[in-house]
Amino acid sequence: MKEYKNLKFLNSAKGQEEKIRILAQESKKGWRVASENIVPGKFKGKDACCLFLIFAPCAFLAGHTEGEIHVTLERVKK
């Protein structure tokens, strides 16, 4: 029988470091990565004008959060 565990990390350099550290710990306990997905961040601003975004595309990107990395671990339970 398999058991599953879901983990979330920020999609940033610090989040990547944490993910590597946690996954190393979990692998010692018999867990392995079954899947990994990056979920993009959402736009923080509420009122974004389309014309503004055409003339200032960098401002649109700056308004996004970092997003998350979703990791599913699995282990065979004996």
C-alpha atoms as a PDB file:
ATOM      1  CA  MET A   1       0.000   0.000   0.000  1.00  0.00           C
ATOM      2  CA  LYS A   2       1.277   3.495  -0.874  1.00  0.00           C
ATOM      3  CA  GLU A   3       0.999   6.591   1.271  1.00  0.00           C
ATOM      4  CA  TYR A   4       1.276  10.141  -0.042  1.00  0.00           C
ATOM      5  CA  LYS A   5       2.397  13.440   1.405  1.00  0.00           C
ATOM      6  CA  ASN A   6       2.019  16.910  -0.143  1.00  0.00           C
ATOM      7  CA  LEU A   7       4.508  19.714   0.461  1.00  0.00           C
ATOM      8  CA  LYS A   8       4.543  23.378  -0.646  1.00  0.00           C
ATOM      9  CA  PHE A   9       7.512  25.696  -1.057  1.00  0.00           C
ATOM     10  CA  LEU A  10       7.882  29.257  -2.337  1.00  0.00           C
ATOM     11  CA  ASN A  11       9.140  29.453  -5.917  1.00  0.00           C
ATOM     12  CA  SER A  12      12.212  31.481  -4.965  1.00  0.00           C
ATOM     13  CA  ALA A  13      15.873  30.805  -4.281  1.00  0.00           C
ATOM     14  CA  LYS A  14      15.152  30.441  -0.566  1.00  0.00           C
ATOM     15  CA  GLY A  15      12.199  28.132  -1.311  1.00  0.00           C
ATOM     16  CA  GLN A  16      14.381  25.964  -3.564  1.00  0.00           C
ATOM     17  CA  GLU A  17      16.993  25.642  -0.808  1.00  0.00           C
ATOM     18  CA  GLU A  18      14.313  24.638   1.688  1.00  0.00           C
ATOM     19  CA  LYS A  19      12.851  22.112  -0.779  1.00  0.00           C
ATOM     20  CA  ILE A  20      16.225  20.434  -1.302  1.00  0.00           C
ATOM     21  CA  ARG A  21      16.870  20.270   2.446  1.00  0.00           C
ATOM     22  CA  ILE A  22      13.410  18.829   3.256  1.00  0.00           C
ATOM     23  CA  LEU A  23      13.490  16.315   0.401  1.00  0.00           C
ATOM     24  CA  ALA A  24      16.893  15.039   1.571  1.00  0.00           C
ATOM     25  CA  GLN A  25      15.439  14.487   5.060  1.00  0.00           C
ATOM     26  CA  GLU A  26      12.317  12.786   3.714  1.00  0.00           C
ATOM     27  CA  SER A  27      14.278  10.478   1.400  1.00  0.00           C
ATOM     28  CA  LYS A  28      16.067   9.068   4.458  1.00  0.00           C
ATOM     29  CA  LYS A  29      12.608   8.107   5.776  1.00  0.00           C
ATOM     30  CA  GLY A  30      11.738   6.201   2.584  1.00  0.00           C
ATOM     31  CA  TRP A  31       9.813   8.960   0.759  1.00  0.00           C
ATOM     32  CA  ARG A  32      10.410   9.689  -2.936  1.00  0.00           C
ATOM     33  CA  VAL A  33       9.125  12.426  -5.237  1.00  0.00           C
ATOM     34  CA  ALA A  34       6.042  11.279  -7.162  1.00  0.00           C
ATOM     35  CA  SER A  35       5.340  14.649  -8.818  1.00  0.00           C
ATOM     36  CA  GLU A  36       6.413  18.271  -8.722  1.00  0.00           C
ATOM     37  CA  ASN A  37       4.491  21.241 -10.137  1.00  0.00           C
ATOM     38  CA  ILE A  38       5.086  24.973 -10.159  1.00  0.00           C
ATOM     39  CA  VAL A  39       1.933  26.999  -9.530  1.00  0.00           C
ATOM     40  CA  PRO A  40       2.364  30.569 -10.813  1.00  0.00           C
ATOM     41  CA  GLY A  41       1.780  33.498  -8.499  1.00  0.00           C
ATOM     42  CA  LYS A  42      -1.267  35.693  -8.700  1.00  0.00           C
ATOM     43  CA  PHE A  43      -1.414  39.378  -9.534  1.00  0.00           C
ATOM     44  CA  LYS A  44      -1.403  41.403  -6.310  1.00  0.00           C
ATOM     45  CA  GLY A  45      -3.028  44.537  -7.719  1.00  0.00           C
ATOM     46  CA  LYS A  46      -6.809  44.764  -7.950  1.00  0.00           C
ATOM     47  CA  ASP A  47      -7.272  47.502 -10.567  1.00  0.00           C
ATOM     48  CA  ALA A  48      -4.945  46.941 -13.499  1.00  0.00           C
ATOM     49  CA  CYS A  49      -5.639  48.953 -16.640  1.00  0.00           C
ATOM     50  CA  CYS A  50      -4.970  47.207 -19.965  1.00  0.00           C
ATOM     51  CA  LEU A  51      -3.457  50.348 -21.516  1.00  0.00           C
ATOM     52  CA  PHE A  52      -1.057  50.674 -18.623  1.00  0.00           C
ATOM     53  CA  LEU A  53       0.007  47.065 -19.097  1.00  0.00           C
ATOM     54  CA  ILE A  54       0.672  47.638 -22.800  1.00  0.00           C
ATOM     55  CA  PHE A  55       2.925  50.611 -22.097  1.00  0.00           C
ATOM     56  CA  ALA A  56       4.566  49.234 -18.968  1.00  0.00           C
ATOM     57  CA  PRO A  57       4.769  45.412 -19.194  1.00  0.00           C
ATOM     58  CA  CYS A  58       7.454  45.313 -16.493  1.00  0.00           C
ATOM     59  CA  ALA A  59       4.990  46.761 -13.983  1.00  0.00           C
ATOM     60  CA  PHE A  60       2.665  43.832 -14.682  1.00  0.00           C
ATOM     61  CA  LEU A  61       5.409  41.311 -13.925  1.00  0.00           C
ATOM     62  CA  ALA A  62       6.440  43.198 -10.785  1.00  0.00           C
ATOM     63  CA  GLY A  63       2.886  42.847  -9.456  1.00  0.00           C
ATOM     64  CA  HIS A  64       3.012  39.046  -9.398  1.00  0.00           C
ATOM     65  CA  THR A  65       3.737  36.965  -6.337  1.00  0.00           C
ATOM     66  CA  GLU A  66       6.464  34.330  -6.545  1.00  0.00           C
ATOM     67  CA  GLY A  67       4.167  31.333  -6.782  1.00  0.00           C
ATOM     68  CA  GLU A  68       4.632  27.948  -5.172  1.00  0.00           C
ATOM     69  CA  ILE A  69       6.250  24.608  -5.844  1.00  0.00           C
ATOM     70  CA  HIS A  70       3.917  21.716  -5.011  1.00  0.00           C
ATOM     71  CA  VAL A  71       5.653  18.393  -4.378  1.00  0.00           C
ATOM     72  CA  THR A  72       3.882  15.079  -3.853  1.00  0.00           C
ATOM     73  CA  LEU A  73       5.877  12.396  -2.074  1.00  0.00           C
ATOM     74  CA  GLU A  74       5.048   8.715  -1.997  1.00  0.00           C
ATOM     75  CA  ARG A  75       6.300   5.771   0.007  1.00  0.00           C
ATOM     76  CA  VAL A  76       5.381   2.108  -0.017  1.00  0.00           C
ATOM     77  CA  LYS A  77       3.976   1.145   3.354  1.00  0.00           C
ATOM     78  CA  LYS A  78       4.896  -2.380   4.394  1.00  0.00           C
END
